[in-house]
C-alpha atoms as a PDB file:
ATOM      1  CA  UNK A   1      23.580 -11.481   2.874  1.00  0.00           C
ATOM      2  CA  UNK A   2      21.065 -11.314   0.016  1.00  0.00           C
ATOM      3  CA  UNK A   3      20.477  -8.126  -1.908  1.00  0.00           C
ATOM      4  CA  UNK A   4      16.888  -7.520  -0.877  1.00  0.00           C
ATOM      5  CA  UNK A   5      17.778  -7.774   2.807  1.00  0.00           C
ATOM      6  CA  UNK A   6      20.783  -5.447   2.446  1.00  0.00           C
ATOM      7  CA  UNK A   7      18.458  -2.720   1.137  1.00  0.00           C
ATOM      8  CA  UNK A   8      16.511  -2.753   4.387  1.00  0.00           C
ATOM      9  CA  UNK A   9      19.190  -1.102   6.510  1.00  0.00           C
ATOM     10  CA  UNK A  10      19.956   2.115   4.564  1.00  0.00           C
ATOM     11  CA  UNK A  11      16.291   2.661   3.839  1.00  0.00           C
ATOM     12  CA  UNK A  12      15.304   2.137   7.464  1.00  0.00           C
ATOM     13  CA  UNK A  13      17.991   4.599   8.527  1.00  0.00           C
ATOM     14  CA  UNK A  14      16.697   7.214   6.076  1.00  0.00           C
ATOM     15  CA  UNK A  15      13.111   6.792   7.264  1.00  0.00           C
ATOM     16  CA  UNK A  16      14.144   7.036  10.902  1.00  0.00           C
ATOM     17  CA  UNK A  17      16.004  10.268  10.105  1.00  0.00           C
ATOM     18  CA  UNK A  18      12.794  11.870   8.901  1.00  0.00           C
ATOM     19  CA  UNK A  19      10.993  10.694  12.021  1.00  0.00           C
ATOM     20  CA  UNK A  20      13.716  12.072  14.297  1.00  0.00           C
ATOM     21  CA  UNK A  21      11.314  14.680  15.700  1.00  0.00           C
ATOM     22  CA  UNK A  22       9.337  11.816  17.173  1.00  0.00           C
ATOM     23  CA  UNK A  23      12.290  10.976  19.403  1.00  0.00           C
ATOM     24  CA  UNK A  24      14.098  14.279  19.975  1.00  0.00           C
ATOM     25  CA  UNK A  25      11.398  16.966  19.814  1.00  0.00           C
ATOM     26  CA  UNK A  26       8.612  15.102  21.537  1.00  0.00           C
ATOM     27  CA  UNK A  27       6.167  17.119  23.620  1.00  0.00           C
ATOM     28  CA  UNK A  28       2.660  16.665  24.947  1.00  0.00           C
ATOM     29  CA  UNK A  29       1.164  18.823  22.213  1.00  0.00           C
ATOM     30  CA  UNK A  30       2.533  16.584  19.472  1.00  0.00           C
ATOM     31  CA  UNK A  31       1.827  13.301  21.260  1.00  0.00           C
ATOM     32  CA  UNK A  32      -1.480  12.711  19.493  1.00  0.00           C
ATOM     33  CA  UNK A  33      -0.049  13.526  16.064  1.00  0.00           C
ATOM     34  CA  UNK A  34       2.853  11.117  16.455  1.00  0.00           C
ATOM     35  CA  UNK A  35       0.494   8.503  17.799  1.00  0.00           C
ATOM     36  CA  UNK A  36      -1.331   8.544  14.472  1.00  0.00           C
ATOM     37  CA  UNK A  37       1.988   8.272  12.629  1.00  0.00           C
ATOM     38  CA  UNK A  38       2.820   5.185  14.681  1.00  0.00           C
ATOM     39  CA  UNK A  39      -0.614   3.807  13.837  1.00  0.00           C
ATOM     40  CA  UNK A  40       0.196   4.143  10.136  1.00  0.00           C
ATOM     41  CA  UNK A  41       3.616   2.512  10.663  1.00  0.00           C
ATOM     42  CA  UNK A  42       1.861  -0.475  12.244  1.00  0.00           C
ATOM     43  CA  UNK A  43      -0.515  -0.526   9.269  1.00  0.00           C
ATOM     44  CA  UNK A  44       2.439  -0.579   6.885  1.00  0.00           C
ATOM     45  CA  UNK A  45       4.047  -3.425   8.823  1.00  0.00           C
ATOM     46  CA  UNK A  46       0.947  -5.557   8.322  1.00  0.00           C
ATOM     47  CA  UNK A  47       0.888  -4.710   4.616  1.00  0.00           C
ATOM     48  CA  UNK A  48       4.516  -5.765   4.370  1.00  0.00           C
ATOM     49  CA  UNK A  49       3.476  -9.320   5.212  1.00  0.00           C
ATOM     50  CA  UNK A  50       0.941  -9.493   2.397  1.00  0.00           C
ATOM     51  CA  UNK A  51       3.300  -9.445  -0.614  1.00  0.00           C
ATOM     52  CA  UNK A  52       4.973 -12.748   0.201  1.00  0.00           C
ATOM     53  CA  UNK A  53       1.706 -14.263   1.429  1.00  0.00           C
ATOM     54  CA  UNK A  54      -0.288 -13.368  -1.687  1.00  0.00           C
ATOM     55  CA  UNK A  55       2.579 -14.436  -3.933  1.00  0.00           C
ATOM     56  CA  UNK A  56       2.166 -17.950  -2.557  1.00  0.00           C
ATOM     57  CA  UNK A  57      -1.641 -17.934  -2.622  1.00  0.00           C
ATOM     58  CA  UNK A  58      -2.040 -16.834  -6.257  1.00  0.00           C
ATOM     59  CA  UNK A  59      -0.094 -19.916  -7.300  1.00  0.00           C
ATOM     60  CA  UNK A  60      -3.230 -21.971  -6.564  1.00  0.00           C
ATOM     61  CA  UNK A  61      -6.059 -19.443  -6.172  1.00  0.00           C
ATOM     62  CA  UNK A  62      -7.146 -16.974  -8.852  1.00  0.00           C
ATOM     63  CA  UNK A  63      -6.654 -13.252  -8.075  1.00  0.00           C
ATOM     64  CA  UNK A  64     -10.385 -12.619  -8.446  1.00  0.00           C
ATOM     65  CA  UNK A  65     -11.400 -15.263  -5.908  1.00  0.00           C
ATOM     66  CA  UNK A  66      -8.632 -14.226  -3.496  1.00  0.00           C
ATOM     67  CA  UNK A  67      -9.803 -10.608  -3.459  1.00  0.00           C
ATOM     68  CA  UNK A  68     -13.447 -11.606  -3.211  1.00  0.00           C
ATOM     69  CA  UNK A  69     -12.811 -13.813  -0.179  1.00  0.00           C
ATOM     70  CA  UNK A  70     -10.459 -11.333   1.461  1.00  0.00           C
ATOM     71  CA  UNK A  71     -12.836  -8.399   1.310  1.00  0.00           C
ATOM     72  CA  UNK A  72     -15.974 -10.313   2.240  1.00  0.00           C
ATOM     73  CA  UNK A  73     -14.175 -11.493   5.376  1.00  0.00           C
ATOM     74  CA  UNK A  74     -13.109  -7.917   6.137  1.00  0.00           C
ATOM     75  CA  UNK A  75     -16.580  -6.490   5.528  1.00  0.00           C
ATOM     76  CA  UNK A  76     -18.347  -9.112   7.651  1.00  0.00           C
ATOM     77  CA  UNK A  77     -15.938  -8.554  10.549  1.00  0.00           C
ATOM     78  CA  UNK A  78     -16.694  -4.816  10.702  1.00  0.00           C
ATOM     79  CA  UNK A  79     -20.361  -4.822   9.674  1.00  0.00           C
ATOM     80  CA  UNK A  80     -21.759  -5.495  13.199  1.00  0.00           C
ATOM     81  CA  UNK A  81     -20.100  -2.268  14.385  1.00  0.00           C
ATOM     82  CA  UNK A  82     -21.755  -0.033  11.808  1.00  0.00           C
ATOM     83  CA  UNK A  83     -23.795   2.631  13.609  1.00  0.00           C
ATOM     84  CA  UNK A  84     -23.959   5.381  10.967  1.00  0.00           C
ATOM     85  CA  UNK A  85     -25.916   5.791   7.766  1.00  0.00           C
ATOM     86  CA  UNK A  86     -26.180   8.701   5.353  1.00  0.00           C
ATOM     87  CA  UNK A  87     -26.164   9.267   1.615  1.00  0.00           C
ATOM     88  CA  UNK A  88     -22.911  11.209   1.805  1.00  0.00           C
ATOM     89  CA  UNK A  89     -21.231   8.425   3.776  1.00  0.00           C
ATOM     90  CA  UNK A  90     -22.372   5.749   1.334  1.00  0.00           C
ATOM     91  CA  UNK A  91     -21.333   7.880  -1.652  1.00  0.00           C
ATOM     92  CA  UNK A  92     -17.869   8.615  -0.277  1.00  0.00           C
ATOM     93  CA  UNK A  93     -17.359   5.034   0.882  1.00  0.00           C
ATOM     94  CA  UNK A  94     -18.328   3.761  -2.562  1.00  0.00           C
ATOM     95  CA  UNK A  95     -15.924   6.175  -4.257  1.00  0.00           C
ATOM     96  CA  UNK A  96     -12.993   5.237  -2.027  1.00  0.00           C
ATOM     97  CA  UNK A  97     -13.853   1.547  -2.242  1.00  0.00           C
ATOM     98  CA  UNK A  98     -13.917   1.630  -6.045  1.00  0.00           C
ATOM     99  CA  UNK A  99     -10.503   3.291  -6.269  1.00  0.00           C
ATOM    100  CA  UNK A 100      -8.832   1.018  -3.728  1.00  0.00           C
ATOM    101  CA  UNK A 101     -10.441  -2.027  -5.391  1.00  0.00           C
ATOM    102  CA  UNK A 102      -8.644  -1.039  -8.588  1.00  0.00           C
ATOM    103  CA  UNK A 103      -5.344  -0.846  -6.712  1.00  0.00           C
ATOM    104  CA  UNK A 104      -5.771  -4.309  -5.188  1.00  0.00           C
ATOM    105  CA  UNK A 105      -6.794  -5.841  -8.527  1.00  0.00           C
ATOM    106  CA  UNK A 106      -3.735  -4.496 -10.322  1.00  0.00           C
ATOM    107  CA  UNK A 107      -1.452  -5.525  -7.452  1.00  0.00           C
ATOM    108  CA  UNK A 108      -2.609  -9.124  -7.204  1.00  0.00           C
ATOM    109  CA  UNK A 109      -2.548  -9.597 -10.992  1.00  0.00           C
ATOM    110  CA  UNK A 110       0.974  -8.166 -11.109  1.00  0.00           C
ATOM    111  CA  UNK A 111       2.109 -10.632  -8.429  1.00  0.00           C
ATOM    112  CA  UNK A 112       1.442 -13.434 -10.879  1.00  0.00           C
ATOM    113  CA  UNK A 113       4.317 -12.153 -13.015  1.00  0.00           C
ATOM    114  CA  UNK A 114       6.830 -10.458 -10.697  1.00  0.00           C
ATOM    115  CA  UNK A 115       8.456 -11.273  -7.347  1.00  0.00           C
ATOM    116  CA  UNK A 116       6.953  -9.927  -4.128  1.00  0.00           C
ATOM    117  CA  UNK A 117      10.132  -7.855  -3.544  1.00  0.00           C
ATOM    118  CA  UNK A 118       9.893  -6.232  -6.958  1.00  0.00           C
ATOM    119  CA  UNK A 119       6.181  -5.613  -6.540  1.00  0.00           C
ATOM    120  CA  UNK A 120       6.759  -3.881  -3.186  1.00  0.00           C
ATOM    121  CA  UNK A 121       9.388  -1.487  -4.553  1.00  0.00           C
ATOM    122  CA  UNK A 122       7.269  -0.545  -7.572  1.00  0.00           C
ATOM    123  CA  UNK A 123       4.115  -0.135  -5.473  1.00  0.00           C
ATOM    124  CA  UNK A 124       6.008   2.225  -3.169  1.00  0.00           C
ATOM    125  CA  UNK A 125       6.207   4.735  -6.033  1.00  0.00           C
ATOM    126  CA  UNK A 126       2.876   6.060  -4.756  1.00  0.00           C
ATOM    127  CA  UNK A 127       5.032   8.025  -2.300  1.00  0.00           C
ATOM    128  CA  UNK A 128       6.165  10.210  -5.207  1.00  0.00           C
ATOM    129  CA  UNK A 129       2.941  10.011  -7.188  1.00  0.00           C
ATOM    130  CA  UNK A 130       1.008  11.640  -4.329  1.00  0.00           C
ATOM    131  CA  UNK A 131       2.774  15.038  -4.595  1.00  0.00           C
ATOM    132  CA  UNK A 132       2.870  14.786  -8.402  1.00  0.00           C
ATOM    133  CA  UNK A 133      -0.882  14.296  -8.566  1.00  0.00           C
ATOM    134  CA  UNK A 134      -1.268  17.056  -6.001  1.00  0.00           C
ATOM    135  CA  UNK A 135       0.572  19.330  -8.457  1.00  0.00           C
ATOM    136  CA  UNK A 136      -2.005  18.519 -11.138  1.00  0.00           C
ATOM    137  CA  UNK A 137      -4.666  19.582  -8.642  1.00  0.00           C
ATOM    138  CA  UNK A 138      -3.015  22.989  -8.186  1.00  0.00           C
ATOM    139  CA  UNK A 139      -0.643  22.360  -5.301  1.00  0.00           C
ATOM    140  CA  UNK A 140       2.879  23.754  -5.483  1.00  0.00           C
ATOM    141  CA  UNK A 141       5.662  21.336  -6.323  1.00  0.00           C
ATOM    142  CA  UNK A 142       9.324  21.866  -5.496  1.00  0.00           C
ATOM    143  CA  UNK A 143      12.282  21.205  -7.747  1.00  0.00           C
ATOM    144  CA  UNK A 144      13.392  18.369  -5.515  1.00  0.00           C
ATOM    145  CA  UNK A 145      10.131  16.501  -6.129  1.00  0.00           C
ATOM    146  CA  UNK A 146      10.693  16.709  -9.882  1.00  0.00           C
ATOM    147  CA  UNK A 147      14.208  15.417  -9.291  1.00  0.00           C
ATOM    148  CA  UNK A 148      12.828  12.628  -7.142  1.00  0.00           C
ATOM    149  CA  UNK A 149      10.367  11.626  -9.842  1.00  0.00           C
ATOM    150  CA  UNK A 150      13.151  11.330 -12.406  1.00  0.00           C
ATOM    151  CA  UNK A 151      15.334   9.352  -9.998  1.00  0.00           C
ATOM    152  CA  UNK A 152      12.463   6.993  -9.187  1.00  0.00           C
ATOM    153  CA  UNK A 153      11.655   6.367 -12.832  1.00  0.00           C
ATOM    154  CA  UNK A 154      15.340   5.655 -13.458  1.00  0.00           C
ATOM    155  CA  UNK A 155      15.328   3.250 -10.516  1.00  0.00           C
ATOM    156  CA  UNK A 156      12.332   1.379 -11.894  1.00  0.00           C
ATOM    157  CA  UNK A 157      14.141   1.128 -15.220  1.00  0.00           C
ATOM    158  CA  UNK A 158      17.241  -0.374 -13.582  1.00  0.00           C
ATOM    159  CA  UNK A 159      15.127  -2.665 -11.400  1.00  0.00           C
ATOM    160  CA  UNK A 160      13.251  -3.909 -14.445  1.00  0.00           C
ATOM    161  CA  UNK A 161      16.469  -4.316 -16.440  1.00  0.00           C
ATOM    162  CA  UNK A 162      17.605  -7.044 -14.076  1.00  0.00           C
ATOM    163  CA  UNK A 163      14.653  -9.208 -15.036  1.00  0.00           C
ATOM    164  CA  UNK A 164      14.668  -8.180 -18.686  1.00  0.00           C
ATOM    165  CA  UNK A 165      12.623  -5.458 -20.337  1.00  0.00           C
ATOM    166  CA  UNK A 166       9.727  -3.796 -18.560  1.00  0.00           C
ATOM    167  CA  UNK A 167       7.104  -6.528 -18.495  1.00  0.00           C
ATOM    168  CA  UNK A 168       3.359  -6.802 -18.190  1.00  0.00           C
ATOM    169  CA  UNK A 169       3.669  -7.565 -14.468  1.00  0.00           C
ATOM    170  CA  UNK A 170       5.574  -4.325 -13.861  1.00  0.00           C
ATOM    171  CA  UNK A 171       2.877  -2.349 -15.675  1.00  0.00           C
ATOM    172  CA  UNK A 172       0.123  -3.934 -13.573  1.00  0.00           C
ATOM    173  CA  UNK A 173       1.992  -3.022 -10.379  1.00  0.00           C
ATOM    174  CA  UNK A 174       2.605   0.527 -11.629  1.00  0.00           C
ATOM    175  CA  UNK A 175      -1.162   0.743 -12.063  1.00  0.00           C
ATOM    176  CA  UNK A 176      -1.468  -0.242  -8.411  1.00  0.00           C
ATOM    177  CA  UNK A 177       0.908   2.554  -7.350  1.00  0.00           C
ATOM    178  CA  UNK A 178      -1.010   5.144  -9.367  1.00  0.00           C
ATOM    179  CA  UNK A 179      -4.460   4.121  -8.185  1.00  0.00           C
ATOM    180  CA  UNK A 180      -3.318   3.993  -4.567  1.00  0.00           C
ATOM    181  CA  UNK A 181      -1.831   7.483  -4.820  1.00  0.00           C
ATOM    182  CA  UNK A 182      -5.263   8.690  -5.971  1.00  0.00           C
ATOM    183  CA  UNK A 183      -6.791   6.877  -3.005  1.00  0.00           C
ATOM    184  CA  UNK A 184      -4.468   8.595  -0.503  1.00  0.00           C
ATOM    185  CA  UNK A 185      -5.395  12.029  -1.856  1.00  0.00           C
ATOM    186  CA  UNK A 186      -9.104  11.236  -1.825  1.00  0.00           C
ATOM    187  CA  UNK A 187      -8.921   9.838   1.695  1.00  0.00           C
ATOM    188  CA  UNK A 188      -7.179  12.998   2.919  1.00  0.00           C
ATOM    189  CA  UNK A 189     -10.167  15.036   1.729  1.00  0.00           C
ATOM    190  CA  UNK A 190     -12.934  12.619   2.737  1.00  0.00           C
ATOM    191  CA  UNK A 191     -11.768  11.084   6.036  1.00  0.00           C
ATOM    192  CA  UNK A 192     -12.399  14.185   8.238  1.00  0.00           C
ATOM    193  CA  UNK A 193     -16.057  14.239   7.146  1.00  0.00           C
ATOM    194  CA  UNK A 194     -17.107  10.836   8.483  1.00  0.00           C
ATOM    195  CA  UNK A 195     -16.574   8.459  11.435  1.00  0.00           C
ATOM    196  CA  UNK A 196     -13.557   6.316  10.466  1.00  0.00           C
ATOM    197  CA  UNK A 197     -15.127   2.948  11.284  1.00  0.00           C
ATOM    198  CA  UNK A 198     -18.276   3.660   9.287  1.00  0.00           C
ATOM    199  CA  UNK A 199     -16.219   4.928   6.347  1.00  0.00           C
ATOM    200  CA  UNK A 200     -14.099   1.757   6.450  1.00  0.00           C
ATOM    201  CA  UNK A 201     -17.212  -0.441   6.461  1.00  0.00           C
ATOM    202  CA  UNK A 202     -18.774   1.174   3.381  1.00  0.00           C
ATOM    203  CA  UNK A 203     -15.461   0.979   1.559  1.00  0.00           C
ATOM    204  CA  UNK A 204     -15.212  -2.740   2.283  1.00  0.00           C
ATOM    205  CA  UNK A 205     -18.827  -3.381   1.294  1.00  0.00           C
ATOM    206  CA  UNK A 206     -18.175  -1.682  -2.048  1.00  0.00           C
ATOM    207  CA  UNK A 207     -15.002  -3.680  -2.643  1.00  0.00           C
ATOM    208  CA  UNK A 208     -16.769  -6.901  -1.631  1.00  0.00           C
ATOM    209  CA  UNK A 209     -19.557  -6.363  -4.158  1.00  0.00           C
ATOM    210  CA  UNK A 210     -17.105  -5.471  -6.916  1.00  0.00           C
ATOM    211  CA  UNK A 211     -14.941  -8.459  -5.986  1.00  0.00           C
ATOM    212  CA  UNK A 212     -17.922 -10.820  -6.115  1.00  0.00           C
ATOM    213  CA  UNK A 213     -18.854  -9.551  -9.562  1.00  0.00           C
ATOM    214  CA  UNK A 214     -15.302 -10.189 -10.758  1.00  0.00           C
ATOM    215  CA  UNK A 215     -14.955 -13.610  -9.132  1.00  0.00           C
ATOM    216  CA  UNK A 216     -18.462 -15.039  -9.671  1.00  0.00           C
ATOM    217  CA  UNK A 217     -17.625 -17.047 -12.849  1.00  0.00           C
ATOM    218  CA  UNK A 218     -14.700 -18.753 -11.064  1.00  0.00           C
ATOM    219  CA  UNK A 219     -16.017 -19.333  -7.534  1.00  0.00           C
ATOM    220  CA  UNK A 220     -17.484 -22.817  -8.006  1.00  0.00           C
ATOM    221  CA  UNK A 221     -14.388 -24.162  -9.733  1.00  0.00           C
ATOM    222  CA  UNK A 222     -12.119 -22.735  -7.034  1.00  0.00           C
ATOM    223  CA  UNK A 223     -13.851 -24.305  -4.019  1.00  0.00           C
ATOM    224  CA  UNK A 224     -11.006 -26.701  -3.208  1.00  0.00           C
ATOM    225  CA  UNK A 225      -8.362 -23.986  -3.551  1.00  0.00           C
ATOM    226  CA  UNK A 226     -10.378 -21.728  -1.232  1.00  0.00           C
ATOM    227  CA  UNK A 227     -10.349 -24.389   1.492  1.00  0.00           C
ATOM    228  CA  UNK A 228      -6.632 -24.961   0.980  1.00  0.00           C
ATOM    229  CA  UNK A 229      -5.927 -21.257   1.503  1.00  0.00           C
ATOM    230  CA  UNK A 230      -8.602 -20.410   4.079  1.00  0.00           C
ATOM    231  CA  UNK A 231      -6.048 -19.359   6.706  1.00  0.00           C
ATOM    232  CA  UNK A 232      -4.407 -16.843   4.363  1.00  0.00           C
ATOM    233  CA  UNK A 233      -7.803 -15.487   3.291  1.00  0.00           C
ATOM    234  CA  UNK A 234      -8.915 -14.989   6.903  1.00  0.00           C
ATOM    235  CA  UNK A 235      -5.616 -13.283   7.826  1.00  0.00           C
ATOM    236  CA  UNK A 236      -5.767 -10.997   4.785  1.00  0.00           C
ATOM    237  CA  UNK A 237      -9.426 -10.229   5.463  1.00  0.00           C
ATOM    238  CA  UNK A 238      -9.112  -9.396   9.155  1.00  0.00           C
ATOM    239  CA  UNK A 239      -5.591  -8.087   9.715  1.00  0.00           C
ATOM    240  CA  UNK A 240      -4.661  -6.663   6.298  1.00  0.00           C
ATOM    241  CA  UNK A 241      -8.117  -5.420   5.283  1.00  0.00           C
ATOM    242  CA  UNK A 242     -10.642  -4.789   8.068  1.00  0.00           C
ATOM    243  CA  UNK A 243      -8.188  -3.460  10.644  1.00  0.00           C
ATOM    244  CA  UNK A 244      -5.891  -1.570   8.274  1.00  0.00           C
ATOM    245  CA  UNK A 245      -8.774   0.098   6.407  1.00  0.00           C
ATOM    246  CA  UNK A 246     -10.035   1.393   9.753  1.00  0.00           C
ATOM    247  CA  UNK A 247      -6.583   2.516  10.943  1.00  0.00           C
ATOM    248  CA  UNK A 248      -6.010   4.381   7.665  1.00  0.00           C
ATOM    249  CA  UNK A 249      -9.329   6.194   7.900  1.00  0.00           C
ATOM    250  CA  UNK A 250      -8.588   7.043  11.536  1.00  0.00           C
ATOM    251  CA  UNK A 251      -5.035   8.315  10.984  1.00  0.00           C
ATOM    252  CA  UNK A 252      -5.762  10.373   7.871  1.00  0.00           C
ATOM    253  CA  UNK A 253      -8.257  12.470   9.769  1.00  0.00           C
ATOM    254  CA  UNK A 254      -5.196  14.008  11.435  1.00  0.00           C
ATOM    255  CA  UNK A 255      -2.268  13.430   9.043  1.00  0.00           C
ATOM    256  CA  UNK A 256      -1.705  14.981   5.606  1.00  0.00           C
ATOM    257  CA  UNK A 257      -1.335  12.946   2.429  1.00  0.00           C
ATOM    258  CA  UNK A 258       2.355  13.895   2.231  1.00  0.00           C
ATOM    259  CA  UNK A 259       3.064  12.605   5.741  1.00  0.00           C
ATOM    260  CA  UNK A 260       1.069   9.481   4.954  1.00  0.00           C
ATOM    261  CA  UNK A 261       3.099   8.895   1.802  1.00  0.00           C
ATOM    262  CA  UNK A 262       6.456   9.011   3.577  1.00  0.00           C
ATOM    263  CA  UNK A 263       5.226   6.545   6.204  1.00  0.00           C
ATOM    264  CA  UNK A 264       4.249   4.194   3.393  1.00  0.00           C
ATOM    265  CA  UNK A 265       7.863   4.321   2.189  1.00  0.00           C
ATOM    266  CA  UNK A 266       8.491   1.760   4.934  1.00  0.00           C
ATOM    267  CA  UNK A 267       6.351  -0.813   3.115  1.00  0.00           C
ATOM    268  CA  UNK A 268       9.122  -2.239   0.876  1.00  0.00           C
ATOM    269  CA  UNK A 269      11.354  -2.532   3.953  1.00  0.00           C
ATOM    270  CA  UNK A 270       8.867  -4.784   5.703  1.00  0.00           C
ATOM    271  CA  UNK A 271       8.031  -6.597   2.463  1.00  0.00           C
ATOM    272  CA  UNK A 272      11.724  -7.346   1.856  1.00  0.00           C
ATOM    273  CA  UNK A 273      12.119  -8.764   5.357  1.00  0.00           C
ATOM    274  CA  UNK A 274       9.139 -11.094   5.041  1.00  0.00           C
ATOM    275  CA  UNK A 275       9.975 -12.086   1.461  1.00  0.00           C
ATOM    276  CA  UNK A 276      13.494 -12.969   2.609  1.00  0.00           C
ATOM    277  CA  UNK A 277      12.270 -14.998   5.587  1.00  0.00           C
ATOM    278  CA  UNK A 278       9.351 -16.763   3.939  1.00  0.00           C
ATOM    279  CA  UNK A 279      10.263 -17.097   0.260  1.00  0.00           C
ATOM    280  CA  UNK A 280      14.045 -16.712   0.213  1.00  0.00           C
ATOM    281  CA  UNK A 281      13.709 -13.990  -2.434  1.00  0.00           C
ATOM    282  CA  UNK A 282      16.660 -11.741  -3.204  1.00  0.00           C
ATOM    283  CA  UNK A 283      17.713  -8.998  -5.602  1.00  0.00           C
ATOM    284  CA  UNK A 284      20.864  -9.048  -7.709  1.00  0.00           C
ATOM    285  CA  UNK A 285      23.255  -6.142  -8.165  1.00  0.00           C
ATOM    286  CA  UNK A 286      21.035  -4.271 -10.619  1.00  0.00           C
ATOM    287  CA  UNK A 287      18.004  -4.953  -8.478  1.00  0.00           C
ATOM    288  CA  UNK A 288      19.787  -3.539  -5.426  1.00  0.00           C
ATOM    289  CA  UNK A 289      20.810  -0.423  -7.375  1.00  0.00           C
ATOM    290  CA  UNK A 290      17.331   0.126  -8.805  1.00  0.00           C
ATOM    291  CA  UNK A 291      15.652  -0.473  -5.450  1.00  0.00           C
ATOM    292  CA  UNK A 292      18.056   1.912  -3.725  1.00  0.00           C
ATOM    293  CA  UNK A 293      17.305   4.606  -6.329  1.00  0.00           C
ATOM    294  CA  UNK A 294      13.568   4.236  -5.702  1.00  0.00           C
ATOM    295  CA  UNK A 295      14.026   4.390  -1.926  1.00  0.00           C
ATOM    296  CA  UNK A 296      16.262   7.471  -2.038  1.00  0.00           C
ATOM    297  CA  UNK A 297      13.822   9.167  -4.411  1.00  0.00           C
ATOM    298  CA  UNK A 298      10.913   8.483  -2.077  1.00  0.00           C
ATOM    299  CA  UNK A 299      12.631  10.037   0.917  1.00  0.00           C
ATOM    300  CA  UNK A 300      14.131  12.918  -1.109  1.00  0.00           C
ATOM    301  CA  UNK A 301      10.655  13.864  -2.345  1.00  0.00           C
ATOM    302  CA  UNK A 302       9.535  14.441   1.249  1.00  0.00           C
ATOM    303  CA  UNK A 303      12.488  16.474   2.581  1.00  0.00           C
ATOM    304  CA  UNK A 304      11.364  19.857   3.790  1.00  0.00           C
ATOM    305  CA  UNK A 305      13.753  22.645   2.719  1.00  0.00           C
ATOM    306  CA  UNK A 306      15.540  24.333   5.606  1.00  0.00           C
ATOM    307  CA  UNK A 307      14.499  27.951   6.046  1.00  0.00           C
END
């Protein structure tokens, strides 16, 4: 069995351990809360399909044009359902859209240089970056989170060692992890203030405009490649953009950024499965060790001390 697929099982077991309350301490009062957690898990599953898919698409379509098409599809799908308008909503949607646009740009550029497996594990560092950034904002930070951060950085070092020194692709993907951690924290503060669907729409409109500005010089020359990849663009636009942006905004009205981060630790699990099935990608011994270190660090950072 290939290395990337082997990593799925221990990580899945660890994640299930931290969701054990969902199965053993379930009551009517917590039903709604766990429903939103399951909504985020479904969101993460969809995201897991995108690494392998985009890895194939960027071989023929430029990152700028891919993002432009993806987010215009997503925005147009949701736009007919927009029923709210206010300056605060537009402002907050534009802020969130700008930050998440940065995360998508850095991710898709990084995928030109690194495997989808590797990209998924590095991107998942946002699980640790969320509490670290929260510390900078004045939140308390436990010793175990500092330990987790060191373990994760060591894991990235080992993971990168397998493919040589830390490369430009790794740095682009690290930028994705950082910008998405900022997005999670911002969404935690902003989501309760606005209807989730309206907030998702203004985010997507912002990203679409930014994406068009980035892609405009290349659009005409990429017409043939767009038609060749129209199915992937439509899937990414509807399933992995329009729907998931709405589900995120909905769930984070009721779930903290820390809970959100640990759910997102499932993303490399799903990404590894789809990369194995679709691309035949695998990790060697060092890659397995580095990936395992990152996964353990992510879960360790979210363990609540027993009182």
